[in-house]
PDB file of N, CA and C in Angstrom:
ATOM      1  N   MET A   1       0.970  -0.844   0.055  1.00  0.00           N
ATOM      2  CA  MET A   1       0.285  -0.212  -0.063  1.00  0.00           C
ATOM      3  C   MET A   1       0.608   1.341  -0.354  1.00  0.00           C
ATOM      4  N   ASN A   2       0.177   1.734  -1.270  1.00  0.00           N
ATOM      5  CA  ASN A   2       1.522   3.028  -1.106  1.00  0.00           C
ATOM      6  C   ASN A   2       1.203   4.467   0.211  1.00  0.00           C
ATOM      7  N   ALA A   3       1.472   5.801   0.528  1.00  0.00           N
ATOM      8  CA  ALA A   3       0.851   6.286   1.065  1.00  0.00           C
ATOM      9  C   ALA A   3      -0.106   7.074   1.014  1.00  0.00           C
ATOM     10  N   GLU A   4       0.227   7.151   0.095  1.00  0.00           N
ATOM     11  CA  GLU A   4      -1.458   8.518  -0.353  1.00  0.00           C
ATOM     12  C   GLU A   4      -2.385   7.383  -0.101  1.00  0.00           C
ATOM     13  N   SER A   5      -2.686   5.642   0.105  1.00  0.00           N
ATOM     14  CA  SER A   5      -4.138   4.857  -0.443  1.00  0.00           C
ATOM     15  C   SER A   5      -4.480   5.427   1.613  1.00  0.00           C
ATOM     16  N   ALA A   6      -5.549   5.270   1.225  1.00  0.00           N
ATOM     17  CA  ALA A   6      -6.433   4.580   2.712  1.00  0.00           C
ATOM     18  C   ALA A   6      -7.152   3.530   2.181  1.00  0.00           C
ATOM     19  N   GLU A   7      -7.849   3.504   3.278  1.00  0.00           N
ATOM     20  CA  GLU A   7      -8.940   2.149   3.770  1.00  0.00           C
ATOM     21  C   GLU A   7      -9.322   3.172   4.616  1.00  0.00           C
ATOM     22  N   LEU A   8     -11.198   2.143   4.138  1.00  0.00           N
ATOM     23  CA  LEU A   8     -12.048   2.122   5.076  1.00  0.00           C
ATOM     24  C   LEU A   8     -11.773   1.568   6.554  1.00  0.00           C
ATOM     25  N   TYR A   9     -12.195   1.553   7.194  1.00  0.00           N
ATOM     26  CA  TYR A   9     -12.368   0.577   8.442  1.00  0.00           C
ATOM     27  C   TYR A   9     -13.597   1.378   9.260  1.00  0.00           C
ATOM     28  N   ARG A  10     -14.807   0.381   9.988  1.00  0.00           N
ATOM     29  CA  ARG A  10     -15.818   0.028  10.467  1.00  0.00           C
ATOM     30  C   ARG A  10     -14.889  -0.093  11.763  1.00  0.00           C
ATOM     31  N   VAL A  11     -15.895   0.863  12.485  1.00  0.00           N
ATOM     32  CA  VAL A  11     -15.505   1.083  14.169  1.00  0.00           C
ATOM     33  C   VAL A  11     -17.337   0.981  14.720  1.00  0.00           C
ATOM     34  N   THR A  12     -17.230  -0.185  15.482  1.00  0.00           N
ATOM     35  CA  THR A  12     -18.399  -0.269  16.884  1.00  0.00           C
ATOM     36  C   THR A  12     -17.707  -0.124  17.872  1.00  0.00           C
ATOM     37  N   ILE A  13     -18.749   1.526  18.771  1.00  0.00           N
ATOM     38  CA  ILE A  13     -17.689   0.930  19.504  1.00  0.00           C
ATOM     39  C   ILE A  13     -19.553   0.783  20.653  1.00  0.00           C
ATOM     40  N   ARG A  14     -19.534  -0.678  21.496  1.00  0.00           N
ATOM     41  CA  ARG A  14     -20.218  -0.835  22.527  1.00  0.00           C
ATOM     42  C   ARG A  14     -20.521  -0.243  24.240  1.00  0.00           C
ATOM     43  N   HIS A  15     -21.365   0.868  24.090  1.00  0.00           N
ATOM     44  CA  HIS A  15     -21.227   0.592  25.421  1.00  0.00           C
ATOM     45  C   HIS A  15     -23.229   1.299  27.006  1.00  0.00           C
ATOM     46  N   ARG A  16     -22.672   0.725  27.958  1.00  0.00           N
ATOM     47  CA  ARG A  16     -24.858   0.081  28.274  1.00  0.00           C
ATOM     48  C   ARG A  16     -25.377   1.642  28.839  1.00  0.00           C
ATOM     49  N   SER A  17     -26.354   1.758  28.185  1.00  0.00           N
ATOM     50  CA  SER A  17     -26.837   3.182  28.514  1.00  0.00           C
ATOM     51  C   SER A  17     -28.284   2.983  29.105  1.00  0.00           C
ATOM     52  N   ASP A  18     -28.781   3.443  31.036  1.00  0.00           N
ATOM     53  CA  ASP A  18     -29.555   2.250  31.862  1.00  0.00           C
ATOM     54  C   ASP A  18     -29.219   1.366  31.657  1.00  0.00           C
ATOM     55  N   GLY A  19     -28.589   0.391  31.618  1.00  0.00           N
ATOM     56  CA  GLY A  19     -28.199  -1.234  31.929  1.00  0.00           C
ATOM     57  C   GLY A  19     -28.746  -1.624  31.084  1.00  0.00           C
ATOM     58  N   ALA A  20     -29.291  -0.770  29.272  1.00  0.00           N
ATOM     59  CA  ALA A  20     -28.888  -1.609  27.982  1.00  0.00           C
ATOM     60  C   ALA A  20     -28.096  -0.982  27.365  1.00  0.00           C
ATOM     61  N   ALA A  21     -27.680  -2.264  26.702  1.00  0.00           N
ATOM     62  CA  ALA A  21     -26.036  -1.818  25.987  1.00  0.00           C
ATOM     63  C   ALA A  21     -26.551  -1.007  24.439  1.00  0.00           C
ATOM     64  N   GLY A  22     -25.695   0.411  24.228  1.00  0.00           N
ATOM     65  CA  GLY A  22     -25.864   1.133  23.201  1.00  0.00           C
ATOM     66  C   GLY A  22     -24.757   1.115  22.273  1.00  0.00           C
ATOM     67  N   TYR A  23     -25.281   1.431  21.228  1.00  0.00           N
ATOM     68  CA  TYR A  23     -23.677   1.490  19.945  1.00  0.00           C
ATOM     69  C   TYR A  23     -24.007   2.604  19.156  1.00  0.00           C
ATOM     70  N   GLU A  24     -22.362   3.189  19.251  1.00  0.00           N
ATOM     71  CA  GLU A  24     -21.742   3.784  18.407  1.00  0.00           C
ATOM     72  C   GLU A  24     -21.062   3.053  17.200  1.00  0.00           C
ATOM     73  N   VAL A  25     -21.377   3.497  15.768  1.00  0.00           N
ATOM     74  CA  VAL A  25     -21.020   2.415  14.468  1.00  0.00           C
ATOM     75  C   VAL A  25     -20.397   3.256  14.031  1.00  0.00           C
ATOM     76  N   PHE A  26     -19.279   3.809  13.253  1.00  0.00           N
ATOM     77  CA  PHE A  26     -18.872   5.241  12.013  1.00  0.00           C
ATOM     78  C   PHE A  26     -17.395   4.493  11.691  1.00  0.00           C
ATOM     79  N   GLU A  27     -17.583   5.298  10.113  1.00  0.00           N
ATOM     80  CA  GLU A  27     -15.780   4.883   9.784  1.00  0.00           C
ATOM     81  C   GLU A  27     -15.391   5.884   9.546  1.00  0.00           C
ATOM     82  N   ILE A  28     -14.195   5.163   9.469  1.00  0.00           N
ATOM     83  CA  ILE A  28     -12.290   5.927   9.570  1.00  0.00           C
ATOM     84  C   ILE A  28     -12.725   6.214   8.493  1.00  0.00           C
ATOM     85  N   GLU A  29     -11.784   6.815   7.304  1.00  0.00           N
ATOM     86  CA  GLU A  29     -10.188   6.405   6.840  1.00  0.00           C
ATOM     87  C   GLU A  29      -9.083   6.530   6.913  1.00  0.00           C
ATOM     88  N   ALA A  30      -8.593   5.781   7.200  1.00  0.00           N
ATOM     89  CA  ALA A  30      -6.981   5.107   7.296  1.00  0.00           C
ATOM     90  C   ALA A  30      -6.419   4.880   6.534  1.00  0.00           C
ATOM     91  N   PRO A  31      -4.491   4.927   6.178  1.00  0.00           N
ATOM     92  CA  PRO A  31      -3.673   4.177   5.942  1.00  0.00           C
ATOM     93  C   PRO A  31      -3.446   2.402   5.604  1.00  0.00           C
ATOM     94  N   ASP A  32      -3.202   2.648   7.574  1.00  0.00           N
ATOM     95  CA  ASP A  32      -3.640   0.975   8.801  1.00  0.00           C
ATOM     96  C   ASP A  32      -4.638   1.031   9.571  1.00  0.00           C
ATOM     97  N   ILE A  33      -4.166   0.047  10.502  1.00  0.00           N
ATOM     98  CA  ILE A  33      -5.260  -0.449  11.089  1.00  0.00           C
ATOM     99  C   ILE A  33      -4.309   1.142  12.745  1.00  0.00           C
ATOM    100  N   ARG A  34      -3.360   0.796  11.980  1.00  0.00           N
ATOM    101  CA  ARG A  34      -2.870   1.712  13.513  1.00  0.00           C
ATOM    102  C   ARG A  34      -3.096   3.550  13.001  1.00  0.00           C
ATOM    103  N   GLU A  35      -3.142   3.935  11.693  1.00  0.00           N
ATOM    104  CA  GLU A  35      -4.088   5.124  12.307  1.00  0.00           C
ATOM    105  C   GLU A  35      -4.945   5.233  12.552  1.00  0.00           C
ATOM    106  N   ALA A  36      -6.020   3.858  11.910  1.00  0.00           N
ATOM    107  CA  ALA A  36      -7.758   4.264  12.443  1.00  0.00           C
ATOM    108  C   ALA A  36      -8.242   4.136  14.206  1.00  0.00           C
ATOM    109  N   LEU A  37      -6.714   2.809  14.633  1.00  0.00           N
ATOM    110  CA  LEU A  37      -7.076   3.537  16.110  1.00  0.00           C
ATOM    111  C   LEU A  37      -6.471   4.224  16.344  1.00  0.00           C
ATOM    112  N   THR A  38      -6.002   5.609  16.205  1.00  0.00           N
ATOM    113  CA  THR A  38      -4.938   6.531  16.543  1.00  0.00           C
ATOM    114  C   THR A  38      -6.393   7.683  16.429  1.00  0.00           C
ATOM    115  N   ARG A  39      -7.028   7.751  14.110  1.00  0.00           N
ATOM    116  CA  ARG A  39      -8.212   8.359  15.019  1.00  0.00           C
ATOM    117  C   ARG A  39      -9.665   7.857  15.427  1.00  0.00           C
ATOM    118  N   THR A  40      -9.612   7.165  15.407  1.00  0.00           N
ATOM    119  CA  THR A  40     -10.682   6.334  16.655  1.00  0.00           C
ATOM    120  C   THR A  40     -10.431   6.499  18.402  1.00  0.00           C
ATOM    121  N   ALA A  41      -9.795   7.038  18.266  1.00  0.00           N
ATOM    122  CA  ALA A  41      -9.377   7.871  19.467  1.00  0.00           C
ATOM    123  C   ALA A  41      -9.887   9.136  19.936  1.00  0.00           C
ATOM    124  N   GLU A  42      -9.084   9.899  18.563  1.00  0.00           N
ATOM    125  CA  GLU A  42      -9.455  11.029  18.665  1.00  0.00           C
ATOM    126  C   GLU A  42     -10.885  11.502  17.981  1.00  0.00           C
ATOM    127  N   ARG A  43     -11.327  10.445  17.683  1.00  0.00           N
ATOM    128  CA  ARG A  43     -13.315  10.901  17.314  1.00  0.00           C
ATOM    129  C   ARG A  43     -13.539   9.687  18.278  1.00  0.00           C
ATOM    130  N   PHE A  44     -13.424   9.699  19.242  1.00  0.00           N
ATOM    131  CA  PHE A  44     -14.422   9.052  20.020  1.00  0.00           C
ATOM    132  C   PHE A  44     -15.567   9.863  20.830  1.00  0.00           C
ATOM    133  N   PRO A  45     -16.510   9.222  20.691  1.00  0.00           N
ATOM    134  CA  PRO A  45     -17.684  10.173  21.575  1.00  0.00           C
ATOM    135  C   PRO A  45     -17.702  10.061  22.772  1.00  0.00           C
ATOM    136  N   GLY A  46     -17.771  11.218  23.403  1.00  0.00           N
ATOM    137  CA  GLY A  46     -17.513  12.611  24.448  1.00  0.00           C
ATOM    138  C   GLY A  46     -18.234  11.196  24.763  1.00  0.00           C
ATOM    139  N   GLN A  47     -19.759  11.035  25.001  1.00  0.00           N
ATOM    140  CA  GLN A  47     -20.506  10.724  26.025  1.00  0.00           C
ATOM    141  C   GLN A  47     -21.138   9.791  26.007  1.00  0.00           C
ATOM    142  N   VAL A  48     -20.280   8.349  25.804  1.00  0.00           N
ATOM    143  CA  VAL A  48     -19.876   6.968  25.604  1.00  0.00           C
ATOM    144  C   VAL A  48     -18.445   6.190  26.237  1.00  0.00           C
ATOM    145  N   VAL A  49     -17.418   7.877  26.924  1.00  0.00           N
ATOM    146  CA  VAL A  49     -16.450   7.398  27.428  1.00  0.00           C
ATOM    147  C   VAL A  49     -16.007   6.643  28.682  1.00  0.00           C
ATOM    148  N   GLU A  50     -17.183   7.279  30.235  1.00  0.00           N
ATOM    149  CA  GLU A  50     -16.798   6.623  31.178  1.00  0.00           C
ATOM    150  C   GLU A  50     -17.908   4.755  30.829  1.00  0.00           C
ATOM    151  N   SER A  51     -19.305   4.961  29.521  1.00  0.00           N
ATOM    152  CA  SER A  51     -20.154   3.810  29.804  1.00  0.00           C
ATOM    153  C   SER A  51     -19.417   2.671  28.726  1.00  0.00           C
ATOM    154  N   ALA A  52     -18.377   2.958  27.734  1.00  0.00           N
ATOM    155  CA  ALA A  52     -17.900   1.775  26.830  1.00  0.00           C
ATOM    156  C   ALA A  52     -17.531   0.943  27.664  1.00  0.00           C
ATOM    157  N   ASP A  53     -17.089  -0.315  26.367  1.00  0.00           N
ATOM    158  CA  ASP A  53     -16.806  -2.158  27.331  1.00  0.00           C
ATOM    159  C   ASP A  53     -16.785  -2.679  25.612  1.00  0.00           C
ATOM    160  N   LEU A  54     -15.985  -1.572  24.538  1.00  0.00           N
ATOM    161  CA  LEU A  54     -16.055  -2.623  24.028  1.00  0.00           C
ATOM    162  C   LEU A  54     -15.695  -1.548  22.558  1.00  0.00           C
ATOM    163  N   VAL A  55     -14.662  -1.416  21.701  1.00  0.00           N
ATOM    164  CA  VAL A  55     -14.320  -0.843  20.740  1.00  0.00           C
ATOM    165  C   VAL A  55     -13.510  -2.437  19.769  1.00  0.00           C
ATOM    166  N   GLU A  56     -14.573  -2.035  18.472  1.00  0.00           N
ATOM    167  CA  GLU A  56     -14.025  -3.017  17.409  1.00  0.00           C
ATOM    168  C   GLU A  56     -13.445  -2.032  16.615  1.00  0.00           C
ATOM    169  N   ILE A  57     -12.726  -2.418  15.198  1.00  0.00           N
ATOM    170  CA  ILE A  57     -12.199  -1.324  14.116  1.00  0.00           C
ATOM    171  C   ILE A  57     -11.711  -2.509  13.132  1.00  0.00           C
ATOM    172  N   ARG A  58     -12.441  -2.754  12.109  1.00  0.00           N
ATOM    173  CA  ARG A  58     -12.066  -4.146  10.405  1.00  0.00           C
ATOM    174  C   ARG A  58     -12.278  -3.060  10.104  1.00  0.00           C
ATOM    175  N   ALA A  59     -11.594  -3.404   8.931  1.00  0.00           N
ATOM    176  CA  ALA A  59     -12.547  -3.931   7.759  1.00  0.00           C
ATOM    177  C   ALA A  59     -13.409  -3.420   6.912  1.00  0.00           C
ATOM    178  N   ALA A  60     -13.993  -2.255   6.447  1.00  0.00           N
ATOM    179  CA  ALA A  60     -14.929  -2.624   5.711  1.00  0.00           C
ATOM    180  C   ALA A  60     -15.567  -2.476   5.204  1.00  0.00           C
ATOM    181  N   ASN A  61     -14.750  -3.028   3.508  1.00  0.00           N
ATOM    182  CA  ASN A  61     -14.929  -4.342   2.519  1.00  0.00           C
ATOM    183  C   ASN A  61     -14.158  -4.555   2.948  1.00  0.00           C
ATOM    184  N   PRO A  62     -13.686  -6.221   3.003  1.00  0.00           N
ATOM    185  CA  PRO A  62     -12.164  -6.787   3.689  1.00  0.00           C
ATOM    186  C   PRO A  62     -12.638  -6.941   2.493  1.00  0.00           C
ATOM    187  N   ALA A  63     -12.107  -7.979   1.179  1.00  0.00           N
ATOM    188  CA  ALA A  63     -11.057  -7.792   0.018  1.00  0.00           C
ATOM    189  C   ALA A  63     -11.453  -9.571   0.630  1.00  0.00           C
TER     190      ALA A  63
END
């Protein structure tokens, strides 16, 4: 992969709200999974910081 290409990653964050599971799902463009992790941390929704218990990052369109 060259430095200018970007992959699309799907991020799922599971959190608890009033005892029930809730999910935040969004996509991140990044050159690799490490950068996708960094960008996810920067975009992590403030309202779920205290109650998040699982974060999944995976290729949005696996080949």
